[in-house]
Amino acid sequence: MISKIYFNGPIITMEDNLPTVEAVGITGEKIVALGTFEEVKTQVGNNYTLVDLNGLTLLPGFIDCHLHPILFVFYQVSPDVSEVTSLHELKNALKMAVKGKPNDKLIIALNLSEEKLEVPVLPTKWDLDEACPDHPVFILRYDGHIGIANSEALKLVGIDENTSIPEGGEIRRNENGELTGIISETAVSPILSKVSFPAGKELADAAKKAFNYLASQGLTSLHGILHSDAGGEFGDFGVVEIPLLKSIQSYIYQNWYVMVNTERPKKLKRIKKPPLDGGNEESQFKLGCFKLFLDGTFGAKTACMFEPFTDEPGMCGFCVVEMDDIYEKMKIAHEEGFQICIHAIGDKGNRIAVDLYKKLLLESPRENHRHRIEHASMLTTDVLEDMAKYNIIASCQPQFINSEYGWLEKRLGRERCKYTYPMKSIIDAGVLLISGSDCPVEDPSVIMGLHALVNRNDFIPDERIDMKEALKTFTINAAYGSFEEDLKGSLKVGKFADFVILNNNPLKIPIDKIKELKVTETIIRGNTVFKK
């Protein structure tokens, strides 16, 4: 096995008893020595390669605690409309997207942010019909919870004026009762079931592109969500995710902690085997978590709220599942020993999620369960107190602040913003905070996540946290969130040699320079997978 010694640059361990060292030595996949340069040389032995950092900063590899990797692969081959700033520009992009495509093939465009448009409202089917009258077209908003179908797309899936609204979804109409083409939550499922996934070389190229990009962001581990059957956040699209994982597994560099969304939690034990789980603590793929979702999003105005949205007085959002149903699923997974993660965004949604956990843990106490709330976007004091009491982890996406800070006050009002993405309050309450991106909803840039945690774009600045705490959420805290703190998340003898090398020391730079940090190298289990 090859031994290396990294030296001559700041080395941040994320270990409180030894925060920085002069050198780190590795042999094969593991760290074997830490300390002064001379100490490490002695401990590594005679045969090693010296790696001069030349002043660059080495720290534990970053961990993204919430993302959809297979969906990210799909995004590599689909039209991206994230940067359009007008309806005219959007129509032109759609015309280009359908050019040369057969009339019966559904075209899905991704990442629409209507807030960037000159008139910041969602387009309608009539707008899409004008651009693409003969092709079925569907635009998915960047949060993945709401979209717009043109007339041909609605016809393709059989949605018309007589279609009943599915439980946990919306099919919007105008004041005349006509379908607008805007659909949300569970109503999106029929559209997504018609999506064609790439195959062959196109799929391989998309997978390489996706996981190379994740490596370029310094990501060495992923808490990646997979759907094992129809239903859930992305409807029938989920059916293909596990078969697709099998076909692209050789292109994945990162360690992957698998979070499974399924309508049948009893199947978790049955599928806890290759390719989803390698069978031992050090496997690259491990299945340990049951993923549920409870409400929608701020952008789609479907997050479950106690009071109406400030800019939409008739809407309070809603829960997309029945409480008895979600609780029965939680009980099964909990009693089988799985971790549970629940998507909750609105203040009422988070209160409901915590109440469900309270009930579960009072009826069936379990030590070290590490259950989580995914997003945990609006947390009132009473919710934080209960999360601390019942050891519920807050799995947040700081990049949401970067995307939403410009319009959150309009949507929520000033008072509710005070407990929206309340990162400092989470930590002060004694709740463990871990961070992810929700990629491809957001760019999986950890640097931009750190910027959001430390600066918050001046959105409720009292909730800023310092860089050390911010780094913990992407390293040692994140490792704890998947029961892997003995394997990764800090630099310690016996842990994996998962490193990220940055162009500057994040603990030393001014906070207004965080965006200028760059990943120069990413190392997973001792092997370089990205180098700038």
Protein backbone atom coordinates (compact mmCIF):
# COMPACT_ATOMS: atom_id res chain seq x y z
CA MET A 1 0.00 0.00 0.00
CA ILE A 2 1.21 3.49 -0.87
CA SER A 3 2.10 5.84 1.98
CA LYS A 4 2.04 9.64 1.68
CA ILE A 5 2.81 12.54 3.98
CA TYR A 6 1.01 15.85 3.43
CA PHE A 7 2.83 18.87 4.86
CA ASN A 8 3.74 22.55 4.46
CA GLY A 9 0.29 24.10 4.72
CA PRO A 10 -2.45 24.61 7.29
CA ILE A 11 -4.00 21.23 8.22
CA ILE A 12 -7.34 21.52 10.03
CA THR A 13 -8.37 18.31 11.82
CA MET A 14 -11.85 19.30 13.15
CA GLU A 15 -10.77 17.50 16.35
CA ASP A 16 -11.10 19.71 19.44
CA ASN A 17 -8.12 18.18 21.27
CA LEU A 18 -5.78 18.65 18.28
CA PRO A 19 -7.29 21.33 16.01
CA THR A 20 -4.27 21.76 13.71
CA VAL A 21 -1.18 19.72 12.87
CA GLU A 22 1.95 20.17 10.77
CA ALA A 23 1.54 16.95 8.82
CA VAL A 24 -0.74 14.01 8.17
CA GLY A 25 0.41 10.57 7.03
CA ILE A 26 -1.69 8.01 5.19
CA THR A 27 -1.19 4.44 4.10
CA GLY A 28 -3.64 3.10 1.58
CA GLU A 29 -7.16 4.29 2.49
CA LYS A 30 -6.48 5.29 6.09
CA ILE A 31 -4.84 7.99 8.16
CA VAL A 32 -1.90 6.49 10.09
CA ALA A 33 -0.19 9.50 11.64
CA LEU A 34 -0.82 13.12 12.70
CA GLY A 35 1.41 15.66 14.39
CA THR A 36 4.65 17.45 13.66
CA PHE A 37 6.41 16.73 10.41
CA GLU A 38 9.13 14.75 12.19
CA GLU A 39 6.64 12.76 14.26
CA VAL A 40 4.66 11.78 11.19
CA LYS A 41 7.80 10.74 9.26
CA THR A 42 8.79 8.47 12.13
CA GLN A 43 5.35 6.90 12.42
CA VAL A 44 4.84 6.32 8.71
CA GLY A 45 8.16 4.50 8.27
CA ASN A 46 10.75 4.58 5.52
CA ASN A 47 8.75 4.22 2.31
CA TYR A 48 6.55 7.22 1.65
CA THR A 49 5.93 10.01 -0.82
CA LEU A 50 6.06 13.61 0.36
CA VAL A 51 3.16 15.79 -0.80
CA ASP A 52 4.02 19.48 -0.42
CA LEU A 53 0.86 21.54 0.09
CA ASN A 54 2.77 24.72 -0.80
CA GLY A 55 0.67 26.74 1.63
CA LEU A 56 -2.69 25.31 0.59
CA THR A 57 -5.10 24.20 3.33
CA LEU A 58 -6.06 20.57 3.94
CA LEU A 59 -9.11 19.55 5.95
CA PRO A 60 -11.57 16.62 6.13
CA GLY A 61 -13.51 15.93 2.97
CA PHE A 62 -16.91 17.58 2.74
CA ILE A 63 -20.13 15.62 3.26
CA ASP A 64 -23.42 16.64 1.62
CA CYS A 65 -26.19 15.49 3.95
CA HIS A 66 -29.13 15.73 1.55
CA LEU A 67 -29.11 15.37 -2.23
CA HIS A 68 -30.69 13.38 -5.07
CA PRO A 69 -27.73 11.96 -7.05
CA ILE A 70 -29.69 10.00 -9.68
CA LEU A 71 -31.89 12.99 -10.37
CA PHE A 72 -28.70 15.07 -10.68
CA VAL A 73 -27.52 12.67 -13.39
CA PHE A 74 -30.81 13.19 -15.23
CA TYR A 75 -30.35 16.97 -15.00
CA GLN A 76 -27.16 16.69 -17.03
CA VAL A 77 -29.15 15.82 -20.17
CA SER A 78 -32.18 18.06 -19.75
CA PRO A 79 -32.73 21.70 -20.75
CA ASP A 80 -31.85 24.07 -17.92
CA VAL A 81 -33.89 27.29 -17.72
CA SER A 82 -32.46 28.52 -14.41
CA GLU A 83 -30.99 31.66 -15.94
CA VAL A 84 -33.92 32.89 -18.03
CA THR A 85 -35.08 36.35 -16.98
CA SER A 86 -38.16 36.92 -19.14
CA LEU A 87 -41.10 35.04 -20.56
CA HIS A 88 -39.84 35.79 -24.05
CA GLU A 89 -36.47 34.23 -23.23
CA LEU A 90 -38.20 31.20 -21.71
CA LYS A 91 -40.30 30.65 -24.84
CA ASN A 92 -37.22 30.81 -27.05
CA ALA A 93 -35.45 28.27 -24.85
CA LEU A 94 -38.39 25.88 -25.12
CA LYS A 95 -38.53 26.28 -28.91
CA MET A 96 -34.87 25.28 -29.07
CA ALA A 97 -35.44 22.35 -26.68
CA VAL A 98 -38.14 20.73 -28.86
CA LYS A 99 -36.39 21.35 -32.17
CA GLY A 100 -35.92 18.06 -33.98
CA LYS A 101 -37.65 16.04 -31.26
CA PRO A 102 -40.54 13.67 -32.05
CA ASN A 103 -43.99 15.05 -31.25
CA ASP A 104 -44.82 12.23 -28.86
CA LYS A 105 -41.73 12.64 -26.65
CA LEU A 106 -42.21 14.61 -23.43
CA ILE A 107 -39.67 17.41 -23.06
CA ILE A 108 -38.98 18.44 -19.48
CA ALA A 109 -37.17 21.72 -18.75
CA LEU A 110 -35.68 22.17 -15.32
CA ASN A 111 -34.81 24.72 -12.65
CA LEU A 112 -37.26 27.50 -13.44
CA SER A 113 -37.11 30.34 -10.93
CA GLU A 114 -40.03 32.65 -11.64
CA GLU A 115 -38.61 35.16 -9.18
CA LYS A 116 -35.94 35.96 -11.79
CA LEU A 117 -38.48 36.84 -14.46
CA GLU A 118 -39.33 40.47 -15.27
CA VAL A 119 -42.85 39.69 -14.08
CA PRO A 120 -42.17 37.23 -11.22
CA VAL A 121 -45.11 34.89 -11.67
CA LEU A 122 -45.31 31.32 -12.95
CA PRO A 123 -46.07 31.02 -16.67
CA THR A 124 -49.20 29.10 -17.73
CA LYS A 125 -50.04 26.41 -20.26
CA TRP A 126 -51.06 29.14 -22.71
CA ASP A 127 -47.56 30.63 -22.58
CA LEU A 128 -46.05 27.19 -23.22
CA ASP A 129 -48.57 26.43 -25.98
CA GLU A 130 -47.51 29.55 -27.81
CA ALA A 131 -43.89 28.36 -27.83
CA CYS A 132 -44.55 24.63 -28.33
CA PRO A 133 -48.03 23.94 -29.71
CA ASP A 134 -47.22 20.46 -31.04
CA HIS A 135 -44.88 18.94 -28.43
CA PRO A 136 -45.70 17.90 -24.85
CA VAL A 137 -43.62 20.19 -22.62
CA PHE A 138 -43.32 20.39 -18.86
CA ILE A 139 -41.30 22.91 -16.85
CA LEU A 140 -40.28 21.93 -13.34
CA ARG A 141 -39.59 24.70 -10.83
CA TYR A 142 -36.14 24.54 -9.23
CA ASP A 143 -37.49 23.14 -5.96
CA GLY A 144 -39.03 20.17 -7.76
CA HIS A 145 -42.43 20.61 -6.11
CA ILE A 146 -44.38 22.54 -8.73
CA GLY A 147 -44.40 22.78 -12.50
CA ILE A 148 -46.25 23.90 -15.61
CA ALA A 149 -47.54 21.59 -18.34
CA ASN A 150 -48.65 22.74 -21.77
CA SER A 151 -51.85 21.42 -23.35
CA GLU A 152 -50.09 18.57 -25.12
CA ALA A 153 -48.44 17.43 -21.87
CA LEU A 154 -51.75 17.53 -20.01
CA LYS A 155 -53.32 15.51 -22.82
CA LEU A 156 -50.43 13.01 -22.71
CA VAL A 157 -51.13 12.14 -19.07
CA GLY A 158 -54.90 12.48 -19.21
CA ILE A 159 -55.34 15.56 -17.04
CA ASP A 160 -58.44 17.57 -18.01
CA GLU A 161 -61.27 19.56 -16.45
CA ASN A 162 -62.79 16.36 -15.06
CA THR A 163 -59.63 15.10 -13.37
CA SER A 164 -59.97 14.91 -9.59
CA ILE A 165 -57.23 16.54 -7.52
CA PRO A 166 -55.03 13.87 -5.93
CA GLU A 167 -54.57 13.85 -2.18
CA GLY A 168 -51.56 15.99 -1.28
CA GLY A 169 -51.49 17.79 -4.62
CA GLU A 170 -52.88 20.72 -6.61
CA ILE A 171 -54.21 21.19 -10.14
CA ARG A 172 -54.72 24.92 -10.43
CA ARG A 173 -57.52 26.69 -12.31
CA ASN A 174 -58.11 30.32 -13.17
CA GLU A 175 -61.12 32.41 -12.17
CA ASN A 176 -63.08 30.90 -15.09
CA GLY A 177 -62.42 27.36 -13.89
CA GLU A 178 -59.96 26.61 -16.72
CA LEU A 179 -56.84 24.53 -16.10
CA THR A 180 -53.77 26.79 -16.00
CA GLY A 181 -51.31 23.95 -16.46
CA ILE A 182 -49.80 24.65 -13.02
CA ILE A 183 -49.67 21.51 -10.89
CA SER A 184 -47.88 20.77 -7.61
CA GLU A 185 -46.77 18.06 -5.22
CA THR A 186 -48.40 14.64 -5.83
CA ALA A 187 -50.19 15.93 -8.93
CA VAL A 188 -46.77 16.15 -10.65
CA SER A 189 -46.33 12.36 -10.52
CA PRO A 190 -48.25 11.49 -13.72
CA ILE A 191 -46.09 13.90 -15.71
CA LEU A 192 -42.81 12.58 -14.31
CA SER A 193 -43.88 9.02 -15.05
CA LYS A 194 -43.63 9.89 -18.76
CA VAL A 195 -40.02 11.10 -18.56
CA SER A 196 -37.49 9.14 -20.63
CA PHE A 197 -34.18 8.54 -18.87
CA PRO A 198 -30.96 8.46 -20.92
CA ALA A 199 -29.35 5.11 -21.73
CA GLY A 200 -26.07 3.72 -23.00
CA LYS A 201 -23.27 6.18 -23.67
CA GLU A 202 -25.53 9.16 -22.97
CA LEU A 203 -26.23 7.81 -19.48
CA ALA A 204 -22.57 7.01 -18.84
CA ASP A 205 -21.47 10.47 -19.92
CA ALA A 206 -24.15 12.09 -17.75
CA ALA A 207 -23.07 10.04 -14.73
CA LYS A 208 -19.40 10.90 -15.22
CA LYS A 209 -20.26 14.58 -15.52
CA ALA A 210 -22.44 14.55 -12.41
CA PHE A 211 -20.05 12.77 -10.06
CA ASN A 212 -16.99 14.60 -11.39
CA TYR A 213 -18.79 17.84 -10.57
CA LEU A 214 -19.56 16.66 -7.05
CA ALA A 215 -15.88 15.77 -6.63
CA SER A 216 -14.89 19.25 -7.84
CA GLN A 217 -16.88 20.69 -4.93
CA GLY A 218 -14.76 18.80 -2.40
CA LEU A 219 -17.47 16.22 -1.69
CA THR A 220 -16.14 12.89 -0.50
CA SER A 221 -19.38 11.51 0.99
CA LEU A 222 -23.06 11.83 0.13
CA HIS A 223 -26.27 11.25 2.04
CA GLY A 224 -28.09 10.40 -1.16
CA ILE A 225 -31.84 9.86 -1.50
CA LEU A 226 -33.19 7.04 -3.66
CA HIS A 227 -36.80 6.19 -4.44
CA SER A 228 -37.52 2.50 -4.64
CA ASP A 229 -41.06 2.54 -6.01
CA ALA A 230 -43.80 4.80 -7.31
CA GLY A 231 -44.97 7.66 -5.12
CA GLY A 232 -42.95 10.09 -3.07
CA GLU A 233 -41.46 13.38 -4.14
CA PHE A 234 -40.92 12.51 -7.80
CA GLY A 235 -43.77 10.10 -8.43
CA ASP A 236 -43.25 7.18 -10.79
CA PHE A 237 -39.81 8.50 -11.69
CA GLY A 238 -38.61 6.82 -8.49
CA VAL A 239 -39.18 3.35 -9.91
CA VAL A 240 -36.10 3.63 -12.14
CA GLU A 241 -33.64 5.05 -9.61
CA ILE A 242 -32.28 1.81 -8.14
CA PRO A 243 -31.88 0.09 -11.54
CA LEU A 244 -30.11 3.20 -12.79
CA LEU A 245 -27.78 3.20 -9.79
CA LYS A 246 -26.74 -0.34 -10.69
CA SER A 247 -25.85 0.73 -14.21
CA ILE A 248 -23.72 3.74 -13.22
CA GLN A 249 -22.17 2.55 -9.97
CA SER A 250 -18.67 2.30 -11.45
CA TYR A 251 -18.67 6.07 -12.15
CA ILE A 252 -19.36 7.03 -8.53
CA TYR A 253 -16.31 8.10 -6.51
CA GLN A 254 -18.00 9.19 -3.32
CA ASN A 255 -19.02 7.19 -0.28
CA TRP A 256 -22.83 7.04 -0.32
CA TYR A 257 -25.10 6.73 2.73
CA VAL A 258 -28.40 5.66 1.15
CA MET A 259 -31.69 7.20 2.28
CA VAL A 260 -34.61 5.30 0.77
CA ASN A 261 -38.04 6.71 0.08
CA THR A 262 -40.52 3.86 -0.21
CA GLU A 263 -44.22 3.30 0.32
CA ARG A 264 -43.38 -0.04 1.94
CA PRO A 265 -40.82 0.36 4.75
CA LYS A 266 -40.85 -3.39 5.42
CA LYS A 267 -38.83 -3.79 2.22
CA LEU A 268 -35.87 -1.83 3.69
CA LYS A 269 -34.31 -4.94 5.23
CA ARG A 270 -34.82 -6.86 2.01
CA ILE A 271 -33.02 -4.28 -0.13
CA LYS A 272 -30.23 -3.69 2.41
CA LYS A 273 -27.75 -5.56 0.22
CA PRO A 274 -25.67 -4.78 -2.89
CA PRO A 275 -25.86 -2.46 -4.72
CA LEU A 276 -27.42 -0.33 -1.94
CA ASP A 277 -25.36 -1.76 0.91
CA GLY A 278 -21.96 -3.42 0.78
CA GLY A 279 -22.55 -5.30 4.00
CA ASN A 280 -19.95 -3.87 6.36
CA GLU A 281 -19.12 -0.66 8.23
CA GLU A 282 -16.50 0.44 5.70
CA SER A 283 -18.51 -0.24 2.53
CA GLN A 284 -18.70 2.54 -0.04
CA PHE A 285 -22.51 2.14 -0.15
CA LYS A 286 -24.54 1.74 3.04
CA LEU A 287 -28.31 1.80 3.50
CA GLY A 288 -29.40 3.08 6.88
CA CYS A 289 -32.24 5.56 6.53
CA PHE A 290 -35.95 5.65 5.72
CA LYS A 291 -36.94 8.91 4.00
CA LEU A 292 -40.41 10.44 4.30
CA PHE A 293 -41.84 13.79 3.27
CA LEU A 294 -44.57 15.72 5.00
CA ASP A 295 -45.16 19.05 3.23
CA GLY A 296 -44.11 21.20 0.27
CA THR A 297 -41.92 24.28 -0.16
CA PHE A 298 -41.96 28.06 0.28
CA GLY A 299 -41.51 28.64 -3.44
CA ALA A 300 -44.52 26.54 -4.41
CA LYS A 301 -46.51 27.95 -1.45
CA THR A 302 -47.16 24.37 -0.35
CA ALA A 303 -45.14 24.33 2.89
CA CYS A 304 -47.53 23.55 5.76
CA MET A 305 -48.05 26.79 7.73
CA PHE A 306 -50.03 27.81 10.80
CA GLU A 307 -50.99 31.10 9.11
CA PRO A 308 -51.40 32.00 5.40
CA PHE A 309 -48.49 33.15 3.29
CA THR A 310 -48.12 36.91 3.51
CA ASP A 311 -48.30 37.36 -0.27
CA GLU A 312 -51.07 34.75 -0.70
CA PRO A 313 -53.65 35.21 2.08
CA GLY A 314 -55.76 32.30 0.85
CA MET A 315 -52.97 29.69 1.07
CA CYS A 316 -51.50 27.95 4.14
CA GLY A 317 -49.87 25.06 2.34
CA PHE A 318 -50.70 21.50 3.36
CA CYS A 319 -49.41 18.12 4.42
CA VAL A 320 -49.01 15.75 1.51
CA VAL A 321 -49.63 12.61 3.60
CA GLU A 322 -52.15 11.38 6.16
CA MET A 323 -50.82 11.44 9.72
CA ASP A 324 -51.93 7.91 10.56
CA ASP A 325 -50.27 6.61 7.41
CA ILE A 326 -46.93 8.32 7.97
CA TYR A 327 -46.87 7.26 11.62
CA GLU A 328 -47.45 3.59 10.80
CA LYS A 329 -44.57 3.71 8.33
CA MET A 330 -42.34 5.40 10.93
CA LYS A 331 -43.14 2.68 13.48
CA ILE A 332 -42.13 -0.09 11.09
CA ALA A 333 -38.80 1.53 10.16
CA HIS A 334 -38.05 2.52 13.78
CA GLU A 335 -38.69 -0.97 15.11
CA GLU A 336 -36.51 -2.46 12.37
CA GLY A 337 -33.62 -0.24 13.56
CA PHE A 338 -33.52 2.25 10.70
CA GLN A 339 -32.90 5.95 11.02
CA ILE A 340 -35.85 8.12 9.92
CA CYS A 341 -35.66 11.40 8.02
CA ILE A 342 -38.77 13.53 7.46
CA HIS A 343 -38.97 16.41 4.97
CA ALA A 344 -40.62 19.35 6.78
CA ILE A 345 -40.40 23.04 5.82
CA GLY A 346 -43.35 25.09 7.17
CA ASP A 347 -43.69 26.01 10.85
CA LYS A 348 -46.75 23.78 11.24
CA GLY A 349 -45.06 21.03 9.23
CA ASN A 350 -42.08 21.01 11.58
CA ARG A 351 -44.33 21.03 14.65
CA ILE A 352 -46.17 18.01 13.26
CA ALA A 353 -42.92 16.20 12.44
CA VAL A 354 -41.58 16.68 15.97
CA ASP A 355 -44.89 15.58 17.47
CA LEU A 356 -44.73 12.41 15.40
CA TYR A 357 -41.20 11.72 16.67
CA LYS A 358 -42.27 12.44 20.27
CA LYS A 359 -45.11 9.97 20.02
CA LEU A 360 -42.87 7.35 18.43
CA LEU A 361 -40.06 7.69 20.99
CA LEU A 362 -42.41 7.72 23.97
CA GLU A 363 -44.15 4.57 22.73
CA SER A 364 -40.97 2.83 21.56
CA PRO A 365 -37.87 4.33 23.21
CA ARG A 366 -34.63 3.67 21.35
CA GLU A 367 -31.15 4.83 22.24
CA ASN A 368 -29.03 6.47 19.57
CA HIS A 369 -31.80 6.61 16.96
CA ARG A 370 -30.43 9.81 15.34
CA HIS A 371 -33.75 10.55 13.61
CA ARG A 372 -33.67 13.71 11.50
CA ILE A 373 -35.82 16.46 10.07
CA GLU A 374 -34.77 17.27 6.52
CA HIS A 375 -34.80 21.01 5.72
CA ALA A 376 -36.18 22.01 9.17
CA SER A 377 -36.72 25.43 7.63
CA MET A 378 -39.00 27.11 10.19
CA LEU A 379 -38.33 26.18 13.80
CA THR A 380 -40.11 27.93 16.66
CA THR A 381 -38.69 27.85 20.18
CA ASP A 382 -41.03 25.07 21.33
CA VAL A 383 -40.01 22.90 18.38
CA LEU A 384 -36.31 23.46 19.07
CA GLU A 385 -36.76 22.55 22.72
CA ASP A 386 -38.42 19.27 21.79
CA MET A 387 -35.80 18.49 19.13
CA ALA A 388 -33.09 18.88 21.77
CA LYS A 389 -35.03 16.82 24.33
CA TYR A 390 -35.60 13.92 21.92
CA ASN A 391 -32.21 14.16 20.16
CA ILE A 392 -33.64 14.95 16.73
CA ILE A 393 -31.06 16.16 14.20
CA ALA A 394 -31.69 19.28 12.08
CA SER A 395 -30.57 18.48 8.52
CA CYS A 396 -30.61 21.89 6.82
CA GLN A 397 -29.71 23.29 3.42
CA PRO A 398 -27.91 26.62 3.86
CA GLN A 399 -27.83 27.15 0.09
CA PHE A 400 -31.59 27.79 0.30
CA ILE A 401 -30.74 31.11 1.96
CA ASN A 402 -28.71 32.14 -1.10
CA SER A 403 -31.66 31.42 -3.42
CA GLU A 404 -34.50 32.75 -1.29
CA TYR A 405 -33.25 35.67 0.81
CA GLY A 406 -34.51 38.23 -1.72
CA TRP A 407 -38.17 37.17 -1.49
CA LEU A 408 -38.65 35.34 1.82
CA GLU A 409 -39.86 38.41 3.70
CA LYS A 410 -42.48 39.08 1.02
CA ARG A 411 -43.71 35.48 1.33
CA LEU A 412 -43.48 35.00 5.11
CA GLY A 413 -43.52 38.45 6.67
CA ARG A 414 -40.81 39.87 8.92
CA GLU A 415 -41.86 38.12 12.13
CA ARG A 416 -41.85 34.61 10.67
CA CYS A 417 -38.50 35.25 8.99
CA LYS A 418 -36.98 35.49 12.47
CA TYR A 419 -37.33 31.73 12.91
CA THR A 420 -36.66 30.75 9.30
CA TYR A 421 -33.35 28.94 8.72
CA PRO A 422 -32.45 29.73 12.37
CA MET A 423 -28.98 28.16 12.34
CA LYS A 424 -27.59 29.84 15.45
CA SER A 425 -30.77 29.10 17.41
CA ILE A 426 -30.51 25.45 16.41
CA ILE A 427 -26.99 25.21 17.82
CA ASP A 428 -27.79 27.28 20.91
CA ALA A 429 -30.73 24.99 21.67
CA GLY A 430 -28.39 21.99 21.75
CA VAL A 431 -29.69 20.48 18.50
CA LEU A 432 -27.13 18.95 16.15
CA LEU A 433 -26.97 20.87 12.86
CA ILE A 434 -25.86 19.13 9.66
CA SER A 435 -25.79 20.62 6.16
CA GLY A 436 -26.60 19.55 2.62
CA SER A 437 -27.56 21.14 -0.68
CA ASP A 438 -30.69 19.29 -1.86
CA CYS A 439 -28.87 19.03 -5.21
CA PRO A 440 -30.07 19.36 -7.95
CA VAL A 441 -32.52 21.79 -6.34
CA GLU A 442 -29.43 23.85 -5.40
CA ASP A 443 -25.86 23.82 -6.64
CA PRO A 444 -23.91 21.41 -4.38
CA SER A 445 -21.23 24.03 -3.71
CA VAL A 446 -20.08 23.62 -0.11
CA ILE A 447 -18.26 26.95 -0.40
CA MET A 448 -21.56 28.70 -1.09
CA GLY A 449 -23.11 26.73 1.77
CA LEU A 450 -20.40 28.02 4.11
CA HIS A 451 -20.99 31.54 2.83
CA ALA A 452 -24.70 31.24 3.60
CA LEU A 453 -24.08 29.92 7.11
CA VAL A 454 -21.57 32.63 8.02
CA ASN A 455 -22.96 35.63 6.09
CA ARG A 456 -26.61 34.73 5.37
CA ASN A 457 -26.67 37.46 2.68
CA ASP A 458 -27.76 39.70 5.60
CA PHE A 459 -31.01 37.71 5.97
CA ILE A 460 -31.71 37.78 9.75
CA PRO A 461 -28.03 38.36 10.60
CA ASP A 462 -28.57 37.39 14.24
CA GLU A 463 -28.70 33.77 13.03
CA ARG A 464 -25.18 33.80 11.59
CA ILE A 465 -22.72 31.18 12.87
CA ASP A 466 -18.92 31.29 12.79
CA MET A 467 -16.78 29.42 10.28
CA LYS A 468 -15.71 26.68 12.69
CA GLU A 469 -19.33 25.78 13.43
CA ALA A 470 -20.16 26.03 9.73
CA LEU A 471 -17.37 23.61 8.80
CA LYS A 472 -18.60 21.13 11.42
CA THR A 473 -21.97 20.91 9.69
CA PHE A 474 -20.27 19.64 6.51
CA THR A 475 -17.70 17.42 8.27
CA ILE A 476 -17.81 15.87 11.75
CA ASN A 477 -21.47 16.69 12.47
CA ALA A 478 -22.40 15.38 9.03
CA ALA A 479 -20.56 12.12 9.70
CA TYR A 480 -22.48 11.75 12.96
CA GLY A 481 -25.71 12.23 11.01
CA SER A 482 -25.04 8.92 9.22
CA PHE A 483 -23.48 7.01 12.17
CA GLU A 484 -20.03 7.36 10.59
CA GLU A 485 -18.15 9.67 12.96
CA ASP A 486 -15.62 6.88 13.66
CA LEU A 487 -14.79 6.64 9.95
CA LYS A 488 -14.78 10.19 8.62
CA GLY A 489 -15.59 13.85 9.32
CA SER A 490 -12.29 14.68 11.03
CA LEU A 491 -8.61 13.88 10.69
CA LYS A 492 -7.78 11.13 13.16
CA VAL A 493 -5.64 8.00 13.05
CA GLY A 494 -7.75 5.10 11.78
CA LYS A 495 -10.23 7.22 9.81
CA PHE A 496 -10.46 7.26 6.02
CA ALA A 497 -8.06 9.51 4.13
CA ASP A 498 -10.93 11.65 2.82
CA PHE A 499 -9.52 15.14 2.28
CA VAL A 500 -10.32 18.39 0.57
CA ILE A 501 -7.56 20.90 -0.21
CA LEU A 502 -8.51 24.58 -0.49
CA ASN A 503 -6.65 27.56 -1.87
CA ASN A 504 -6.93 29.39 1.47
CA ASN A 505 -7.54 28.75 5.16
CA PRO A 506 -11.29 29.17 5.80
CA LEU A 507 -10.67 29.86 9.49
CA LYS A 508 -8.38 32.80 8.71
CA ILE A 509 -9.95 34.64 5.77
CA PRO A 510 -12.34 37.61 6.21
CA ILE A 511 -15.95 36.47 6.02
CA ASP A 512 -16.60 38.64 2.97
CA LYS A 513 -13.98 36.56 1.10
CA ILE A 514 -15.57 33.14 1.68
CA LYS A 515 -16.95 33.03 -1.87
CA GLU A 516 -13.35 33.26 -3.13
CA LEU A 517 -12.39 29.91 -1.58
CA LYS A 518 -11.62 27.29 -4.22
CA VAL A 519 -11.33 23.52 -4.08
CA THR A 520 -7.96 22.59 -5.56
CA GLU A 521 -7.98 18.85 -4.85
CA THR A 522 -10.36 16.17 -3.55
CA ILE A 523 -9.05 12.90 -2.14
CA ILE A 524 -11.28 9.91 -1.33
CA ARG A 525 -9.83 6.98 0.60
CA GLY A 526 -6.33 8.11 -0.30
CA ASN A 527 -6.96 8.55 -4.03
CA THR A 528 -7.15 11.90 -5.80
CA VAL A 529 -10.45 12.11 -7.69
CA PHE A 530 -10.27 15.81 -8.60
CA LYS A 531 -7.35 18.17 -9.03
CA LYS A 532 -7.63 21.71 -10.33
